[in-house]
Amino acid sequence: MLADSHAHLDWDAFDEDREQVISRAREAGIELILTVGCNLESSRTAIRLAEEHQDILAAVGFHPNDTTGVKESDLETLAELSQHPRVVAIGEIGLDFYREWSPHETQIEVFRHQLRLAQEVDLPVVIHCRNAHLEMLEILDYWVSHLTLHHSNHPPGVIHCFSGDVAIAQRYISLGFLISLAGPVTYPSARNTVKVAQYLPPESLLIETDSPFLAPQDHRGKRNEPAYLTTTAKKVAQVREMSLESVCKSTTQNVRCLLRLEDKNNVTTQPTIDSHREHEKGY
């Protein structure tokens, strides 16, 4: 039992064998995949995949690197997409001051708009943050302090593919956010990420693939896919000195809590299974 809390199954890297990739995930014990949009086109594809597969759910949003040229009408369309019953989160949204493909001011403006949307539709957020943790924490601190949700006992969101240190993780956790770790935790040089994996309270930890990016060490340099989540889970279990079963169970429960699946009678997520190299390439 495992849940991939962040993948991009719409990417063209999967065009030749997408159905086989999904089948391999099921065979590996992945019972749930959240496929995450980065713009309107990928968000629509994420919804389509979620419609076609019982064990896939969708998030919709504008990635910070895709915010240049976003118009008011685009944000209105995103709001419409967020109403779909297979959409369970707003994301991938946030700030990326590493690549700087979009101006900082544009990223911040679109990010804040999407945070407001998340509050309006009462959905959690999937956050991308790269080289912008201080700015991110300031924005999220204000947002959380003014947040009124029907699901106050659920996390407001997740910091996906976390790249900060323990001190930064503590600040996000204090705001109620979950922390998601991806393939880089398996890299020999990932000492800070391993420390974060050791520190995180069990109720604050998620794992993901960020497919097709960030393949774990035993597949490094190749296309990543949800079936490889088991490698990350094993590494997290090792460094936390926990059983693999415990890590799988707790992280899957955390995903279901984040996405409020227990409260969504119209969303079915029962399993249908029968009982680029460096971190900077991640999206």
C-alpha atoms as a PDB file:
ATOM      1  CA  MET A   1       0.000   0.000   0.000  1.00  0.00           C
ATOM      2  CA  LEU A   2       1.642   3.206  -1.226  1.00  0.00           C
ATOM      3  CA  ALA A   3       0.483   6.572  -2.546  1.00  0.00           C
ATOM      4  CA  ASP A   4       2.487   8.708  -4.967  1.00  0.00           C
ATOM      5  CA  SER A   5       1.605  12.175  -3.750  1.00  0.00           C
ATOM      6  CA  HIS A   6       3.031  13.963  -6.796  1.00  0.00           C
ATOM      7  CA  ALA A   7       3.503  12.874 -10.405  1.00  0.00           C
ATOM      8  CA  HIS A   8       3.143  14.403 -13.865  1.00  0.00           C
ATOM      9  CA  LEU A   9       1.587  11.601 -15.875  1.00  0.00           C
ATOM     10  CA  ASP A  10       0.506  14.069 -18.565  1.00  0.00           C
ATOM     11  CA  TRP A  11       4.090  14.778 -19.669  1.00  0.00           C
ATOM     12  CA  ASP A  12       5.117  13.675 -23.151  1.00  0.00           C
ATOM     13  CA  ALA A  13       7.790  11.441 -21.603  1.00  0.00           C
ATOM     14  CA  PHE A  14       4.911   9.009 -21.022  1.00  0.00           C
ATOM     15  CA  ASP A  15       3.208   9.339 -24.401  1.00  0.00           C
ATOM     16  CA  GLU A  16       4.539   6.033 -25.749  1.00  0.00           C
ATOM     17  CA  ASP A  17       3.682   3.814 -22.776  1.00  0.00           C
ATOM     18  CA  ARG A  18       1.476   5.720 -20.332  1.00  0.00           C
ATOM     19  CA  GLU A  19      -0.920   2.828 -19.757  1.00  0.00           C
ATOM     20  CA  GLN A  20       1.968   0.436 -19.127  1.00  0.00           C
ATOM     21  CA  VAL A  21       3.454   2.919 -16.630  1.00  0.00           C
ATOM     22  CA  ILE A  22       0.151   3.019 -14.763  1.00  0.00           C
ATOM     23  CA  SER A  23      -0.056  -0.780 -14.815  1.00  0.00           C
ATOM     24  CA  ARG A  24       3.483  -1.117 -13.445  1.00  0.00           C
ATOM     25  CA  ALA A  25       2.572   1.256 -10.633  1.00  0.00           C
ATOM     26  CA  ARG A  26      -0.346  -0.972  -9.655  1.00  0.00           C
ATOM     27  CA  GLU A  27       1.853  -4.052  -9.802  1.00  0.00           C
ATOM     28  CA  ALA A  28       4.329  -2.293  -7.475  1.00  0.00           C
ATOM     29  CA  GLY A  29       1.576  -1.678  -4.914  1.00  0.00           C
ATOM     30  CA  ILE A  30       0.871   1.989  -5.680  1.00  0.00           C
ATOM     31  CA  GLU A  31      -2.793   2.377  -4.800  1.00  0.00           C
ATOM     32  CA  LEU A  32      -3.135   6.109  -5.483  1.00  0.00           C
ATOM     33  CA  ILE A  33      -1.392   8.628  -7.745  1.00  0.00           C
ATOM     34  CA  LEU A  34      -1.965  12.376  -7.627  1.00  0.00           C
ATOM     35  CA  THR A  35      -1.162  13.710 -11.091  1.00  0.00           C
ATOM     36  CA  VAL A  36      -0.470  17.414 -10.951  1.00  0.00           C
ATOM     37  CA  GLY A  37      -1.109  20.168 -13.472  1.00  0.00           C
ATOM     38  CA  CYS A  38       1.321  22.956 -14.361  1.00  0.00           C
ATOM     39  CA  ASN A  39      -0.882  25.021 -16.697  1.00  0.00           C
ATOM     40  CA  LEU A  40      -4.348  24.797 -18.225  1.00  0.00           C
ATOM     41  CA  GLU A  41      -3.427  22.168 -20.798  1.00  0.00           C
ATOM     42  CA  SER A  42      -1.709  19.838 -18.338  1.00  0.00           C
ATOM     43  CA  SER A  43      -4.451  20.410 -15.767  1.00  0.00           C
ATOM     44  CA  ARG A  44      -7.068  19.326 -18.302  1.00  0.00           C
ATOM     45  CA  THR A  45      -5.018  16.237 -19.117  1.00  0.00           C
ATOM     46  CA  ALA A  46      -4.647  15.456 -15.422  1.00  0.00           C
ATOM     47  CA  ILE A  47      -8.424  15.549 -15.080  1.00  0.00           C
ATOM     48  CA  ARG A  48      -8.867  13.290 -18.100  1.00  0.00           C
ATOM     49  CA  LEU A  49      -6.455  10.732 -16.651  1.00  0.00           C
ATOM     50  CA  ALA A  50      -8.295  10.869 -13.334  1.00  0.00           C
ATOM     51  CA  GLU A  51     -11.584  10.293 -15.156  1.00  0.00           C
ATOM     52  CA  GLU A  52     -10.142   7.253 -16.932  1.00  0.00           C
ATOM     53  CA  HIS A  53      -8.427   5.630 -13.937  1.00  0.00           C
ATOM     54  CA  GLN A  54     -10.001   4.900 -10.590  1.00  0.00           C
ATOM     55  CA  ASP A  55      -6.695   5.150  -8.715  1.00  0.00           C
ATOM     56  CA  ILE A  56      -5.597   8.512 -10.180  1.00  0.00           C
ATOM     57  CA  LEU A  57      -6.708  11.902  -8.860  1.00  0.00           C
ATOM     58  CA  ALA A  58      -5.927  15.358 -10.226  1.00  0.00           C
ATOM     59  CA  ALA A  59      -4.548  18.678  -9.043  1.00  0.00           C
ATOM     60  CA  VAL A  60      -4.899  21.785 -11.200  1.00  0.00           C
ATOM     61  CA  GLY A  61      -2.837  24.950 -11.215  1.00  0.00           C
ATOM     62  CA  PHE A  62      -0.199  27.187 -12.741  1.00  0.00           C
ATOM     63  CA  HIS A  63       3.395  26.244 -11.919  1.00  0.00           C
ATOM     64  CA  PRO A  64       5.496  29.350 -11.121  1.00  0.00           C
ATOM     65  CA  ASN A  65       7.554  28.781 -14.266  1.00  0.00           C
ATOM     66  CA  ASP A  66       4.340  28.870 -16.309  1.00  0.00           C
ATOM     67  CA  THR A  67       2.924  32.106 -14.923  1.00  0.00           C
ATOM     68  CA  THR A  68       4.191  34.512 -17.597  1.00  0.00           C
ATOM     69  CA  GLY A  69       1.265  35.521 -19.778  1.00  0.00           C
ATOM     70  CA  VAL A  70      -1.415  34.174 -17.444  1.00  0.00           C
ATOM     71  CA  LYS A  71      -4.543  36.278 -17.941  1.00  0.00           C
ATOM     72  CA  GLU A  72      -7.589  36.865 -15.803  1.00  0.00           C
ATOM     73  CA  SER A  73      -9.574  34.631 -18.136  1.00  0.00           C
ATOM     74  CA  ASP A  74      -7.029  31.840 -17.578  1.00  0.00           C
ATOM     75  CA  LEU A  75      -7.502  32.107 -13.833  1.00  0.00           C
ATOM     76  CA  GLU A  76     -11.266  31.993 -14.330  1.00  0.00           C
ATOM     77  CA  THR A  77     -10.852  28.821 -16.386  1.00  0.00           C
ATOM     78  CA  LEU A  78      -8.693  27.332 -13.634  1.00  0.00           C
ATOM     79  CA  ALA A  79     -11.453  28.065 -11.148  1.00  0.00           C
ATOM     80  CA  GLU A  80     -13.888  26.195 -13.386  1.00  0.00           C
ATOM     81  CA  LEU A  81     -11.534  23.212 -13.629  1.00  0.00           C
ATOM     82  CA  SER A  82     -11.170  23.141  -9.851  1.00  0.00           C
ATOM     83  CA  GLN A  83     -14.876  22.264  -9.570  1.00  0.00           C
ATOM     84  CA  HIS A  84     -14.415  18.903 -11.265  1.00  0.00           C
ATOM     85  CA  PRO A  85     -15.167  16.005  -8.876  1.00  0.00           C
ATOM     86  CA  ARG A  86     -11.837  14.310  -9.630  1.00  0.00           C
ATOM     87  CA  VAL A  87      -9.870  17.446  -8.662  1.00  0.00           C
ATOM     88  CA  VAL A  88      -8.664  17.217  -5.069  1.00  0.00           C
ATOM     89  CA  ALA A  89      -6.016  19.979  -4.839  1.00  0.00           C
ATOM     90  CA  ILE A  90      -4.793  23.244  -6.326  1.00  0.00           C
ATOM     91  CA  GLY A  91      -1.290  22.777  -7.651  1.00  0.00           C
ATOM     92  CA  GLU A  92       1.415  22.800  -8.596  1.00  0.00           C
ATOM     93  CA  ILE A  93       1.674  26.403  -7.479  1.00  0.00           C
ATOM     94  CA  GLY A  94       4.376  28.439  -5.769  1.00  0.00           C
ATOM     95  CA  LEU A  95       7.647  30.250  -6.354  1.00  0.00           C
ATOM     96  CA  ASP A  96      10.773  29.313  -8.312  1.00  0.00           C
ATOM     97  CA  PHE A  97      13.571  31.857  -7.996  1.00  0.00           C
ATOM     98  CA  TYR A  98      16.153  29.349  -9.281  1.00  0.00           C
ATOM     99  CA  ARG A  99      15.205  29.190 -12.949  1.00  0.00           C
ATOM    100  CA  GLU A 100      13.463  32.577 -13.034  1.00  0.00           C
ATOM    101  CA  TRP A 101      11.545  31.726 -16.183  1.00  0.00           C
ATOM    102  CA  SER A 102       8.846  34.091 -14.950  1.00  0.00           C
ATOM    103  CA  PRO A 103       9.427  37.428 -13.183  1.00  0.00           C
ATOM    104  CA  HIS A 104       9.264  37.236  -9.403  1.00  0.00           C
ATOM    105  CA  GLU A 105       6.397  39.723  -9.253  1.00  0.00           C
ATOM    106  CA  THR A 106       4.368  37.686 -11.735  1.00  0.00           C
ATOM    107  CA  GLN A 107       4.986  34.466  -9.844  1.00  0.00           C
ATOM    108  CA  ILE A 108       3.913  36.049  -6.566  1.00  0.00           C
ATOM    109  CA  GLU A 109       0.772  37.607  -8.048  1.00  0.00           C
ATOM    110  CA  VAL A 110      -0.430  34.370  -9.685  1.00  0.00           C
ATOM    111  CA  PHE A 111       0.524  32.366  -6.606  1.00  0.00           C
ATOM    112  CA  ARG A 112      -1.516  34.588  -4.307  1.00  0.00           C
ATOM    113  CA  HIS A 113      -4.485  34.393  -6.651  1.00  0.00           C
ATOM    114  CA  GLN A 114      -4.332  30.591  -6.579  1.00  0.00           C
ATOM    115  CA  LEU A 115      -4.097  30.582  -2.800  1.00  0.00           C
ATOM    116  CA  ARG A 116      -7.289  32.628  -2.725  1.00  0.00           C
ATOM    117  CA  LEU A 117      -8.877  30.166  -5.130  1.00  0.00           C
ATOM    118  CA  ALA A 118      -7.878  27.247  -2.897  1.00  0.00           C
ATOM    119  CA  GLN A 119      -9.619  28.912   0.025  1.00  0.00           C
ATOM    120  CA  GLU A 120     -12.723  29.670  -2.045  1.00  0.00           C
ATOM    121  CA  VAL A 121     -13.109  26.082  -3.276  1.00  0.00           C
ATOM    122  CA  ASP A 122     -11.835  24.611  -0.001  1.00  0.00           C
ATOM    123  CA  LEU A 123      -9.037  22.496  -1.455  1.00  0.00           C
ATOM    124  CA  PRO A 124      -5.474  21.912  -0.206  1.00  0.00           C
ATOM    125  CA  VAL A 125      -2.518  23.347  -2.106  1.00  0.00           C
ATOM    126  CA  VAL A 126       0.479  21.577  -3.641  1.00  0.00           C
ATOM    127  CA  ILE A 127       3.415  23.952  -3.249  1.00  0.00           C
ATOM    128  CA  HIS A 128       6.571  24.225  -5.372  1.00  0.00           C
ATOM    129  CA  CYS A 129       9.346  26.244  -3.748  1.00  0.00           C
ATOM    130  CA  ARG A 130      12.871  26.623  -5.082  1.00  0.00           C
ATOM    131  CA  ASN A 131      15.329  29.213  -3.789  1.00  0.00           C
ATOM    132  CA  ALA A 132      12.442  31.173  -2.274  1.00  0.00           C
ATOM    133  CA  HIS A 133      11.700  29.715   1.153  1.00  0.00           C
ATOM    134  CA  LEU A 134      11.798  33.022   3.021  1.00  0.00           C
ATOM    135  CA  GLU A 135       9.391  34.664   0.572  1.00  0.00           C
ATOM    136  CA  MET A 136       7.225  31.559   0.578  1.00  0.00           C
ATOM    137  CA  LEU A 137       7.024  31.375   4.360  1.00  0.00           C
ATOM    138  CA  GLU A 138       6.016  35.021   4.578  1.00  0.00           C
ATOM    139  CA  ILE A 139       3.182  34.510   2.074  1.00  0.00           C
ATOM    140  CA  LEU A 140       1.980  31.253   3.615  1.00  0.00           C
ATOM    141  CA  ASP A 141       2.120  32.634   7.144  1.00  0.00           C
ATOM    142  CA  TYR A 142      -0.235  35.430   6.126  1.00  0.00           C
ATOM    143  CA  TRP A 143      -2.481  33.062   4.154  1.00  0.00           C
ATOM    144  CA  VAL A 144      -2.795  30.498   6.945  1.00  0.00           C
ATOM    145  CA  SER A 145      -3.469  33.195   9.540  1.00  0.00           C
ATOM    146  CA  HIS A 146      -6.442  34.379   7.459  1.00  0.00           C
ATOM    147  CA  LEU A 147      -7.533  30.923   6.344  1.00  0.00           C
ATOM    148  CA  THR A 148     -11.051  29.748   6.976  1.00  0.00           C
ATOM    149  CA  LEU A 149     -11.580  26.149   5.882  1.00  0.00           C
ATOM    150  CA  HIS A 150     -14.400  23.728   6.389  1.00  0.00           C
ATOM    151  CA  HIS A 151     -11.750  21.053   6.945  1.00  0.00           C
ATOM    152  CA  SER A 152      -9.843  22.632   9.800  1.00  0.00           C
ATOM    153  CA  ASN A 153      -8.598  19.224  10.958  1.00  0.00           C
ATOM    154  CA  HIS A 154      -6.812  18.668   7.641  1.00  0.00           C
ATOM    155  CA  PRO A 155      -3.475  20.140   6.484  1.00  0.00           C
ATOM    156  CA  PRO A 156      -3.743  23.241   4.272  1.00  0.00           C
ATOM    157  CA  GLY A 157      -1.235  21.772   1.832  1.00  0.00           C
ATOM    158  CA  VAL A 158       2.072  20.104   1.125  1.00  0.00           C
ATOM    159  CA  ILE A 159       5.529  21.408   0.267  1.00  0.00           C
ATOM    160  CA  HIS A 160       6.354  19.082  -2.586  1.00  0.00           C
ATOM    161  CA  CYS A 161       9.843  17.713  -3.278  1.00  0.00           C
ATOM    162  CA  PHE A 162      11.180  19.547  -0.243  1.00  0.00           C
ATOM    163  CA  SER A 163      14.681  20.956  -0.726  1.00  0.00           C
ATOM    164  CA  GLY A 164      15.236  22.893   2.496  1.00  0.00           C
ATOM    165  CA  ASP A 165      16.845  21.973   5.794  1.00  0.00           C
ATOM    166  CA  VAL A 166      15.363  20.893   9.109  1.00  0.00           C
ATOM    167  CA  ALA A 167      14.917  24.474  10.355  1.00  0.00           C
ATOM    168  CA  ILE A 168      12.901  25.409   7.252  1.00  0.00           C
ATOM    169  CA  ALA A 169      10.876  22.191   7.526  1.00  0.00           C
ATOM    170  CA  GLN A 170      10.014  23.074  11.128  1.00  0.00           C
ATOM    171  CA  ARG A 171       8.615  26.434  10.017  1.00  0.00           C
ATOM    172  CA  TYR A 172       6.378  24.853   7.386  1.00  0.00           C
ATOM    173  CA  ILE A 173       5.169  22.231   9.838  1.00  0.00           C
ATOM    174  CA  SER A 174       4.336  24.979  12.353  1.00  0.00           C
ATOM    175  CA  LEU A 175       1.949  26.364   9.719  1.00  0.00           C
ATOM    176  CA  GLY A 176       0.325  22.962   9.361  1.00  0.00           C
ATOM    177  CA  PHE A 177       1.920  21.918   6.077  1.00  0.00           C
ATOM    178  CA  LEU A 178       3.090  18.442   5.196  1.00  0.00           C
ATOM    179  CA  ILE A 179       6.559  17.835   3.761  1.00  0.00           C
ATOM    180  CA  SER A 180       7.007  15.536   0.767  1.00  0.00           C
ATOM    181  CA  LEU A 181      10.299  13.826  -0.068  1.00  0.00           C
ATOM    182  CA  ALA A 182      11.211  12.517  -3.500  1.00  0.00           C
ATOM    183  CA  GLY A 183      13.985  10.547  -5.193  1.00  0.00           C
ATOM    184  CA  PRO A 184      16.820  12.860  -4.090  1.00  0.00           C
ATOM    185  CA  VAL A 185      16.597  11.434  -0.550  1.00  0.00           C
ATOM    186  CA  THR A 186      18.247   8.313  -2.032  1.00  0.00           C
ATOM    187  CA  TYR A 187      21.220  10.213  -3.509  1.00  0.00           C
ATOM    188  CA  PRO A 188      24.599   9.760  -1.756  1.00  0.00           C
ATOM    189  CA  SER A 189      25.053  13.542  -1.512  1.00  0.00           C
ATOM    190  CA  ALA A 190      21.614  14.222  -0.008  1.00  0.00           C
ATOM    191  CA  ARG A 191      22.749  14.681   3.588  1.00  0.00           C
ATOM    192  CA  ASN A 192      20.362  17.558   4.371  1.00  0.00           C
ATOM    193  CA  THR A 193      17.401  15.691   2.902  1.00  0.00           C
ATOM    194  CA  VAL A 194      18.259  12.604   4.931  1.00  0.00           C
ATOM    195  CA  LYS A 195      18.341  14.741   8.082  1.00  0.00           C
ATOM    196  CA  VAL A 196      14.897  16.069   7.198  1.00  0.00           C
ATOM    197  CA  ALA A 197      13.660  12.501   6.627  1.00  0.00           C
ATOM    198  CA  GLN A 198      14.946  11.541  10.061  1.00  0.00           C
ATOM    199  CA  TYR A 199      13.435  14.577  11.762  1.00  0.00           C
ATOM    200  CA  LEU A 200       9.924  14.779  10.306  1.00  0.00           C
ATOM    201  CA  PRO A 201       7.062  13.772  12.604  1.00  0.00           C
ATOM    202  CA  PRO A 202       5.295  10.775  11.056  1.00  0.00           C
ATOM    203  CA  GLU A 203       2.089  12.749  10.596  1.00  0.00           C
ATOM    204  CA  SER A 204       3.943  15.399   8.545  1.00  0.00           C
ATOM    205  CA  LEU A 205       5.672  13.122   6.018  1.00  0.00           C
ATOM    206  CA  LEU A 206       4.690  12.334   2.444  1.00  0.00           C
ATOM    207  CA  ILE A 207       6.664  10.673  -0.338  1.00  0.00           C
ATOM    208  CA  GLU A 208       6.440  11.190  -4.093  1.00  0.00           C
ATOM    209  CA  THR A 209       8.165  10.508  -7.380  1.00  0.00           C
ATOM    210  CA  ASP A 210       7.703  13.830  -9.217  1.00  0.00           C
ATOM    211  CA  SER A 211       7.663  11.571 -12.298  1.00  0.00           C
ATOM    212  CA  PRO A 212       9.084  11.795 -14.889  1.00  0.00           C
ATOM    213  CA  PHE A 213      11.761  13.731 -12.976  1.00  0.00           C
ATOM    214  CA  LEU A 214      14.083  12.919 -10.080  1.00  0.00           C
ATOM    215  CA  ALA A 215      14.440   9.173 -10.460  1.00  0.00           C
ATOM    216  CA  PRO A 216      15.844   7.513  -7.314  1.00  0.00           C
ATOM    217  CA  GLN A 217      19.456   6.390  -7.178  1.00  0.00           C
ATOM    218  CA  ASP A 218      18.916   2.929  -8.653  1.00  0.00           C
ATOM    219  CA  HIS A 219      17.262   4.488 -11.734  1.00  0.00           C
ATOM    220  CA  ARG A 220      19.149   7.772 -11.753  1.00  0.00           C
ATOM    221  CA  GLY A 221      19.584   9.354 -15.152  1.00  0.00           C
ATOM    222  CA  LYS A 222      16.495   7.586 -16.499  1.00  0.00           C
ATOM    223  CA  ARG A 223      12.861   8.554 -16.708  1.00  0.00           C
ATOM    224  CA  ASN A 224      11.153   8.314 -13.333  1.00  0.00           C
ATOM    225  CA  GLU A 225       7.754   6.652 -12.896  1.00  0.00           C
ATOM    226  CA  PRO A 226       5.384   5.947  -9.986  1.00  0.00           C
ATOM    227  CA  ALA A 227       6.480   2.304  -9.620  1.00  0.00           C
ATOM    228  CA  TYR A 228       9.879   3.587  -8.432  1.00  0.00           C
ATOM    229  CA  LEU A 229       8.279   5.105  -5.334  1.00  0.00           C
ATOM    230  CA  THR A 230       9.108   1.876  -3.516  1.00  0.00           C
ATOM    231  CA  THR A 231      12.821   2.780  -3.640  1.00  0.00           C
ATOM    232  CA  THR A 232      12.180   6.110  -1.932  1.00  0.00           C
ATOM    233  CA  ALA A 233       9.945   4.439   0.654  1.00  0.00           C
ATOM    234  CA  LYS A 234      12.671   1.909   1.483  1.00  0.00           C
ATOM    235  CA  LYS A 235      15.254   4.665   1.938  1.00  0.00           C
ATOM    236  CA  VAL A 236      12.957   6.679   4.190  1.00  0.00           C
ATOM    237  CA  ALA A 237      12.224   3.574   6.251  1.00  0.00           C
ATOM    238  CA  GLN A 238      15.945   2.887   6.569  1.00  0.00           C
ATOM    239  CA  VAL A 239      16.950   6.356   7.754  1.00  0.00           C
ATOM    240  CA  ARG A 240      13.980   6.606  10.128  1.00  0.00           C
ATOM    241  CA  GLU A 241      14.683   3.122  11.480  1.00  0.00           C
ATOM    242  CA  MET A 242      11.094   2.109  10.804  1.00  0.00           C
ATOM    243  CA  SER A 243       9.612  -0.827   8.990  1.00  0.00           C
ATOM    244  CA  LEU A 244       8.769  -0.346   5.328  1.00  0.00           C
ATOM    245  CA  GLU A 245       5.203  -1.330   6.124  1.00  0.00           C
ATOM    246  CA  SER A 246       4.917   1.455   8.698  1.00  0.00           C
ATOM    247  CA  VAL A 247       6.247   4.093   6.282  1.00  0.00           C
ATOM    248  CA  CYS A 248       3.890   2.936   3.545  1.00  0.00           C
ATOM    249  CA  LYS A 249       0.901   2.931   5.851  1.00  0.00           C
ATOM    250  CA  SER A 250       1.544   6.309   7.494  1.00  0.00           C
ATOM    251  CA  THR A 251       2.405   8.192   4.293  1.00  0.00           C
ATOM    252  CA  THR A 252      -0.651   6.794   2.535  1.00  0.00           C
ATOM    253  CA  GLN A 253      -2.867   7.807   5.448  1.00  0.00           C
ATOM    254  CA  ASN A 254      -1.306  11.284   5.327  1.00  0.00           C
ATOM    255  CA  VAL A 255      -2.105  11.635   1.609  1.00  0.00           C
ATOM    256  CA  ARG A 256      -5.696  10.634   2.204  1.00  0.00           C
ATOM    257  CA  CYS A 257      -5.940  13.140   5.063  1.00  0.00           C
ATOM    258  CA  LEU A 258      -4.376  15.923   2.983  1.00  0.00           C
ATOM    259  CA  LEU A 259      -6.751  15.320   0.078  1.00  0.00           C
ATOM    260  CA  ARG A 260      -9.733  14.880   2.420  1.00  0.00           C
ATOM    261  CA  LEU A 261     -10.675  11.658   0.724  1.00  0.00           C
ATOM    262  CA  GLU A 262     -12.609  10.383   3.708  1.00  0.00           C
ATOM    263  CA  ASP A 263     -14.995  13.321   3.195  1.00  0.00           C
ATOM    264  CA  LYS A 264     -15.501  12.851  -0.554  1.00  0.00           C
ATOM    265  CA  ASN A 265     -18.175  10.275  -1.181  1.00  0.00           C
ATOM    266  CA  ASN A 266     -18.077  10.994  -4.910  1.00  0.00           C
ATOM    267  CA  VAL A 267     -14.379  10.200  -5.265  1.00  0.00           C
ATOM    268  CA  THR A 268     -13.366   6.566  -5.448  1.00  0.00           C
ATOM    269  CA  THR A 269      -9.745   5.795  -4.712  1.00  0.00           C
ATOM    270  CA  GLN A 270      -9.800   2.109  -3.912  1.00  0.00           C
ATOM    271  CA  PRO A 271      -6.879   0.313  -5.579  1.00  0.00           C
ATOM    272  CA  THR A 272      -7.555  -1.418  -8.887  1.00  0.00           C
ATOM    273  CA  ILE A 273      -4.527  -3.670  -8.351  1.00  0.00           C
ATOM    274  CA  ASP A 274      -5.101  -7.364  -7.817  1.00  0.00           C
ATOM    275  CA  SER A 275      -4.425  -8.432  -4.072  1.00  0.00           C
ATOM    276  CA  HIS A 276      16.229  13.676 -15.253  1.00  0.00           C
ATOM    277  CA  ARG A 277      19.059  13.123 -13.176  1.00  0.00           C
ATOM    278  CA  GLU A 278      19.867  16.039 -10.872  1.00  0.00           C
ATOM    279  CA  HIS A 279      17.560  17.784  -8.422  1.00  0.00           C
ATOM    280  CA  GLU A 280      17.404  20.881 -10.599  1.00  0.00           C
ATOM    281  CA  LYS A 281      15.642  18.914 -13.336  1.00  0.00           C
ATOM    282  CA  GLY A 282      12.568  18.396 -11.210  1.00  0.00           C
ATOM    283  CA  TYR A 283       9.427  20.256 -12.137  1.00  0.00           C
END
